[in-house]
Amino acid sequence: MKNFIVRTFTGIIFVAAIVASFLRPEAMVLLFSIVTGLTIWEFTGLVNEREDVTVNRFICTVAGIYFFFSMTYFCSDLYGGSAKSVVFIPYLVTIIYLLVAELYLKQADPIQDWAYTMFSQLYIALPFSLLNVLAFTATNNGLVTFNTLLPLSVFVFLWVNDSGAYCVGSLLGRHKLFPRISPGKSWEGSVGGAVFVLAAAYAISYYLDGSMLTTPQWLGLGLVVVVFGTWGDLVESLFKRTLGIKDSGNILPGHGGMLDRFDSSLLAIPAAVVYLYTLSLF
């Protein structure tokens, strides 16, 4: 009972913080730059416990945070002036340094060091940074505006999917979705979660009356988030099984670590960006 109360309280604070952050661009940038840093720090700490793996946690974390801020600057006029791609040069120099440094460090397995170093950026820094693509959109007259609904809707769909899948799976779950990696997930739960998300997408569309996306486009975004969010959850489960751990950390009481809470979003955010860009082409 005590763990349930702690988990519920942490969940409320977690959801409230994310929702509140999307009310102001400065709050969103601050919160998710911190989330990016904490998640990379957690990831690199876990992989460094593997035999013959030595990843530079500090530089990887700073690089990921810098990349997030670079994407913010590139996608917006939040800090004034026009976006310049030159802002990415320090990040590229850092990545080159991390690769070249292995020539001189004489580590036992430099290939693993390279792989985990780059994976920390590809798996964590890039997806969180793409939130800026969803959050900052250009209007017809060329001005950049902060869009609250698109990035927030991705998280809302993920939360609705998790809750719906858990409820339906607990009641009706019989057929395992991916027993080798996540024995608790069922096909019934996944379908149930998708149905709840489609209902939420339709409700958003109805409320906005087609002012941002059409109803079919909102439903499509919901399905994209469901599919890739589920895959994101499974990817992190495979990561933990490979390491032989139950939770990625304990920073969030009752919920585990940062990877445990944001695993679904790490694939759902890039997929949502690709989906919305694809819509813009037609």
Protein backbone atom coordinates (compact mmCIF):
# COMPACT_ATOMS: atom_id res chain seq x y z
CA MET A 1 0.00 0.00 0.00
CA LYS A 2 2.85 2.36 0.91
CA ASN A 3 4.56 1.70 -2.43
CA PHE A 4 1.29 2.38 -4.26
CA ILE A 5 0.94 5.75 -2.53
CA VAL A 6 4.55 6.68 -3.31
CA ARG A 7 4.15 5.56 -6.93
CA THR A 8 0.90 7.52 -7.32
CA PHE A 9 2.35 10.68 -5.78
CA THR A 10 5.47 10.50 -7.96
CA GLY A 11 3.31 9.88 -11.04
CA ILE A 12 1.18 12.95 -10.34
CA ILE A 13 4.24 15.17 -9.88
CA PHE A 14 5.82 13.69 -13.01
CA VAL A 15 2.78 14.34 -15.21
CA ALA A 16 2.18 17.79 -13.73
CA ALA A 17 5.80 18.83 -14.36
CA ILE A 18 5.69 17.76 -18.02
CA VAL A 19 2.30 19.38 -18.67
CA ALA A 20 3.35 22.61 -16.96
CA SER A 21 6.64 22.72 -18.90
CA PHE A 22 4.79 22.92 -22.21
CA LEU A 23 3.02 26.09 -21.13
CA ARG A 24 6.19 28.13 -21.65
CA PRO A 25 9.08 27.53 -24.08
CA GLU A 26 11.67 28.39 -21.44
CA ALA A 27 10.19 25.83 -19.05
CA MET A 28 10.12 23.12 -21.71
CA VAL A 29 13.72 23.76 -22.72
CA LEU A 30 14.92 23.80 -19.11
CA LEU A 31 13.05 20.66 -18.05
CA PHE A 32 13.97 18.50 -21.02
CA SER A 33 17.59 19.62 -21.07
CA ILE A 34 17.75 18.35 -17.48
CA VAL A 35 15.90 15.17 -18.45
CA THR A 36 18.35 14.64 -21.31
CA GLY A 37 21.34 15.05 -19.03
CA LEU A 38 19.99 12.81 -16.27
CA THR A 39 19.01 10.07 -18.72
CA ILE A 40 22.40 10.02 -20.46
CA TRP A 41 24.16 10.04 -17.09
CA GLU A 42 22.04 7.09 -15.99
CA PHE A 43 22.62 5.20 -19.26
CA THR A 44 26.39 5.68 -19.27
CA GLY A 45 26.58 4.65 -15.63
CA LEU A 46 24.79 1.39 -16.42
CA VAL A 47 26.93 0.48 -19.42
CA ASN A 48 30.13 1.34 -17.54
CA GLU A 49 29.32 -1.51 -15.18
CA ARG A 50 29.81 -3.95 -18.06
CA GLU A 51 33.14 -5.68 -18.40
CA ASP A 52 35.74 -3.76 -20.46
CA VAL A 53 33.44 -0.78 -21.03
CA THR A 54 34.65 2.71 -20.12
CA VAL A 55 32.51 5.53 -21.46
CA ASN A 56 33.23 9.14 -20.54
CA ARG A 57 30.03 9.90 -18.63
CA PHE A 58 30.71 13.60 -18.13
CA ILE A 59 31.53 14.46 -21.75
CA CYS A 60 28.69 12.30 -23.12
CA THR A 61 26.22 14.02 -20.78
CA VAL A 62 27.43 17.55 -21.52
CA ALA A 63 27.44 16.79 -25.26
CA GLY A 64 23.84 15.55 -25.11
CA ILE A 65 22.67 18.63 -23.21
CA TYR A 66 24.51 20.90 -25.61
CA PHE A 67 22.92 19.14 -28.58
CA PHE A 68 19.47 19.71 -27.04
CA PHE A 69 20.18 23.45 -26.66
CA SER A 70 21.60 23.56 -30.19
CA MET A 71 18.37 22.10 -31.56
CA THR A 72 16.39 24.64 -29.54
CA TYR A 73 18.41 27.48 -31.07
CA PHE A 74 18.19 25.99 -34.55
CA CYS A 75 14.42 25.48 -34.41
CA SER A 76 13.41 28.71 -32.71
CA ASP A 77 14.12 32.37 -32.22
CA LEU A 78 13.88 31.90 -28.45
CA TYR A 79 17.27 33.51 -27.91
CA GLY A 80 16.91 36.10 -30.63
CA GLY A 81 18.34 36.26 -34.11
CA SER A 82 18.10 33.73 -36.88
CA ALA A 83 19.02 30.09 -36.37
CA LYS A 84 22.55 29.25 -37.52
CA SER A 85 23.70 25.72 -38.16
CA VAL A 86 27.17 26.74 -36.95
CA VAL A 87 25.85 26.10 -33.45
CA PHE A 88 26.33 22.37 -34.07
CA ILE A 89 30.08 22.62 -34.69
CA PRO A 90 31.15 22.32 -31.02
CA TYR A 91 28.98 19.20 -30.74
CA LEU A 92 30.58 17.64 -33.82
CA VAL A 93 34.05 18.48 -32.48
CA THR A 94 33.15 16.76 -29.21
CA ILE A 95 31.98 13.61 -31.00
CA ILE A 96 35.22 13.55 -33.02
CA TYR A 97 37.19 13.93 -29.79
CA LEU A 98 35.36 11.01 -28.17
CA LEU A 99 36.24 8.82 -31.15
CA VAL A 100 39.87 9.89 -31.45
CA ALA A 101 40.48 9.73 -27.69
CA GLU A 102 40.21 5.94 -27.80
CA LEU A 103 43.47 5.89 -29.77
CA TYR A 104 45.34 7.12 -26.71
CA LEU A 105 43.37 5.76 -23.75
CA LYS A 106 44.45 2.15 -24.32
CA GLN A 107 41.13 0.73 -23.15
CA ALA A 108 40.45 -3.01 -23.24
CA ASP A 109 37.66 -2.79 -25.81
CA PRO A 110 37.54 0.56 -27.66
CA ILE A 111 34.87 -0.70 -30.07
CA GLN A 112 32.40 -1.12 -27.21
CA ASP A 113 33.36 2.31 -25.87
CA TRP A 114 32.70 3.86 -29.27
CA ALA A 115 29.41 1.99 -29.66
CA TYR A 116 28.00 2.96 -26.26
CA THR A 117 29.23 6.54 -26.61
CA MET A 118 27.43 7.01 -29.91
CA PHE A 119 24.39 5.08 -28.70
CA SER A 120 23.96 7.51 -25.80
CA GLN A 121 23.60 10.30 -28.36
CA LEU A 122 21.50 8.42 -30.90
CA TYR A 123 19.18 6.73 -28.39
CA ILE A 124 18.73 9.56 -25.89
CA ALA A 125 20.05 12.96 -26.96
CA LEU A 126 18.59 12.92 -30.48
CA PRO A 127 14.98 11.92 -29.56
CA PHE A 128 14.70 14.46 -26.75
CA SER A 129 16.22 17.15 -28.98
CA LEU A 130 13.58 16.45 -31.62
CA LEU A 131 10.97 17.76 -29.18
CA ASN A 132 12.14 21.17 -30.37
CA VAL A 133 11.04 20.28 -33.91
CA LEU A 134 7.53 19.57 -32.59
CA ALA A 135 7.46 22.55 -30.24
CA PHE A 136 8.67 25.32 -32.54
CA THR A 137 6.79 25.70 -35.81
CA ALA A 138 6.92 28.35 -38.51
CA THR A 139 3.77 30.23 -39.48
CA ASN A 140 2.84 31.21 -43.02
CA ASN A 141 4.51 34.61 -42.60
CA GLY A 142 7.80 33.02 -41.51
CA LEU A 143 7.54 33.70 -37.80
CA VAL A 144 8.38 30.91 -35.36
CA THR A 145 5.79 30.15 -32.69
CA PHE A 146 5.82 27.84 -29.70
CA ASN A 147 3.41 24.95 -30.21
CA THR A 148 2.21 23.45 -26.95
CA LEU A 149 -0.18 20.84 -28.25
CA LEU A 150 1.88 18.73 -30.65
CA PRO A 151 4.70 17.73 -28.27
CA LEU A 152 2.31 17.46 -25.33
CA SER A 153 -0.07 15.24 -27.33
CA VAL A 154 2.74 12.70 -27.84
CA PHE A 155 3.12 12.34 -24.07
CA VAL A 156 -0.64 12.31 -23.52
CA PHE A 157 -1.01 9.49 -26.05
CA LEU A 158 1.81 7.57 -24.35
CA TRP A 159 0.19 7.96 -20.93
CA VAL A 160 -3.25 6.99 -22.23
CA ASN A 161 -1.74 4.00 -24.03
CA ASP A 162 0.08 2.80 -20.90
CA SER A 163 -3.00 3.18 -18.71
CA GLY A 164 -5.37 1.61 -21.24
CA ALA A 165 -3.01 -1.29 -21.97
CA TYR A 166 -2.56 -1.97 -18.26
CA CYS A 167 -6.29 -1.95 -17.50
CA VAL A 168 -7.35 -4.03 -20.51
CA GLY A 169 -4.38 -6.37 -20.18
CA SER A 170 -5.09 -6.99 -16.50
CA LEU A 171 -8.71 -7.88 -17.25
CA LEU A 172 -8.51 -9.63 -20.61
CA GLY A 173 -4.85 -10.35 -21.30
CA ARG A 174 -4.32 -13.93 -22.51
CA HIS A 175 -1.93 -13.82 -25.46
CA LYS A 176 1.61 -12.61 -24.79
CA LEU A 177 2.86 -9.81 -27.02
CA PHE A 178 6.60 -10.40 -26.60
CA PRO A 179 7.20 -13.04 -23.91
CA ARG A 180 10.97 -13.29 -24.54
CA ILE A 181 11.47 -9.65 -23.56
CA SER A 182 8.40 -8.46 -21.65
CA PRO A 183 6.21 -11.31 -20.33
CA GLY A 184 3.72 -8.91 -18.79
CA LYS A 185 2.54 -7.37 -22.07
CA SER A 186 -0.36 -8.91 -23.95
CA TRP A 187 -1.92 -8.41 -27.37
CA GLU A 188 -5.25 -7.65 -25.72
CA GLY A 189 -3.65 -4.92 -23.63
CA SER A 190 -1.90 -3.41 -26.63
CA VAL A 191 -5.11 -3.30 -28.66
CA GLY A 192 -6.99 -1.87 -25.69
CA GLY A 193 -4.39 0.84 -25.23
CA ALA A 194 -4.61 1.70 -28.92
CA VAL A 195 -8.40 2.04 -28.71
CA PHE A 196 -8.09 4.45 -25.78
CA VAL A 197 -5.50 6.50 -27.68
CA LEU A 198 -7.71 6.69 -30.76
CA ALA A 199 -10.52 7.95 -28.55
CA ALA A 200 -8.20 10.58 -27.07
CA ALA A 201 -7.02 11.59 -30.56
CA TYR A 202 -10.61 11.96 -31.74
CA ALA A 203 -11.44 14.06 -28.66
CA ILE A 204 -8.51 16.40 -29.39
CA SER A 205 -9.56 16.68 -33.01
CA TYR A 206 -13.15 17.42 -32.02
CA TYR A 207 -12.04 20.08 -29.53
CA LEU A 208 -9.75 21.80 -32.05
CA ASP A 209 -12.31 21.46 -34.86
CA GLY A 210 -9.62 20.71 -37.46
CA SER A 211 -7.61 23.88 -36.80
CA MET A 212 -4.27 22.04 -36.57
CA LEU A 213 -4.67 18.53 -38.00
CA THR A 214 -7.65 16.79 -39.53
CA THR A 215 -9.37 13.98 -37.64
CA PRO A 216 -7.71 11.22 -39.73
CA GLN A 217 -4.32 12.90 -39.18
CA TRP A 218 -4.84 13.01 -35.41
CA LEU A 219 -5.87 9.35 -35.44
CA GLY A 220 -2.78 8.53 -37.50
CA LEU A 221 -0.54 10.36 -35.03
CA GLY A 222 -2.14 8.40 -32.20
CA LEU A 223 -1.44 5.08 -33.92
CA VAL A 224 2.16 6.09 -34.66
CA VAL A 225 2.73 6.93 -31.01
CA VAL A 226 1.13 3.64 -29.89
CA VAL A 227 3.23 1.45 -32.20
CA PHE A 228 6.56 3.18 -31.69
CA GLY A 229 5.92 3.83 -28.00
CA THR A 230 5.39 0.09 -27.51
CA TRP A 231 8.57 -0.66 -29.42
CA GLY A 232 10.40 1.92 -27.31
CA ASP A 233 9.24 0.18 -24.16
CA LEU A 234 10.39 -3.19 -25.53
CA VAL A 235 13.78 -1.80 -26.57
CA GLU A 236 14.43 -0.59 -23.03
CA SER A 237 13.23 -3.93 -21.63
CA LEU A 238 15.73 -5.70 -23.88
CA PHE A 239 18.43 -3.31 -22.70
CA LYS A 240 17.68 -4.10 -19.05
CA ARG A 241 17.48 -7.84 -19.68
CA THR A 242 20.85 -7.71 -21.39
CA LEU A 243 22.32 -5.95 -18.36
CA GLY A 244 20.45 -8.22 -15.94
CA ILE A 245 18.71 -5.41 -14.02
CA LYS A 246 15.09 -4.78 -13.03
CA ASP A 247 15.07 -0.96 -13.05
CA SER A 248 17.39 1.46 -14.79
CA GLY A 249 17.67 3.54 -11.61
CA ASN A 250 15.86 4.81 -8.54
CA ILE A 251 15.70 8.56 -9.10
CA LEU A 252 11.88 8.46 -9.32
CA PRO A 253 10.45 6.78 -6.20
CA GLY A 254 8.16 3.92 -7.17
CA HIS A 255 8.88 4.37 -10.88
CA GLY A 256 12.54 3.47 -11.24
CA GLY A 257 14.95 5.50 -13.33
CA MET A 258 14.80 8.02 -16.13
CA LEU A 259 14.98 5.38 -18.84
CA ASP A 260 12.10 3.52 -17.18
CA ARG A 261 9.89 6.61 -17.42
CA PHE A 262 10.90 7.91 -20.84
CA ASP A 263 11.60 4.65 -22.70
CA SER A 264 8.45 4.85 -24.85
CA SER A 265 9.06 8.46 -25.83
CA LEU A 266 12.57 7.74 -27.13
CA LEU A 267 11.08 6.09 -30.23
CA ALA A 268 7.68 7.81 -30.25
CA ILE A 269 9.09 11.35 -30.54
CA PRO A 270 11.23 10.70 -33.66
CA ALA A 271 8.38 8.69 -35.21
CA ALA A 272 5.95 11.57 -34.60
CA VAL A 273 8.38 14.01 -36.23
CA VAL A 274 8.74 11.78 -39.31
CA TYR A 275 4.96 11.31 -39.48
CA LEU A 276 4.19 15.03 -39.28
CA TYR A 277 6.88 15.90 -41.81
CA THR A 278 5.46 13.28 -44.14
CA LEU A 279 2.03 14.92 -43.84
CA SER A 280 3.54 18.29 -44.74
CA LEU A 281 4.76 16.87 -48.06
CA PHE A 282 1.23 16.21 -49.29
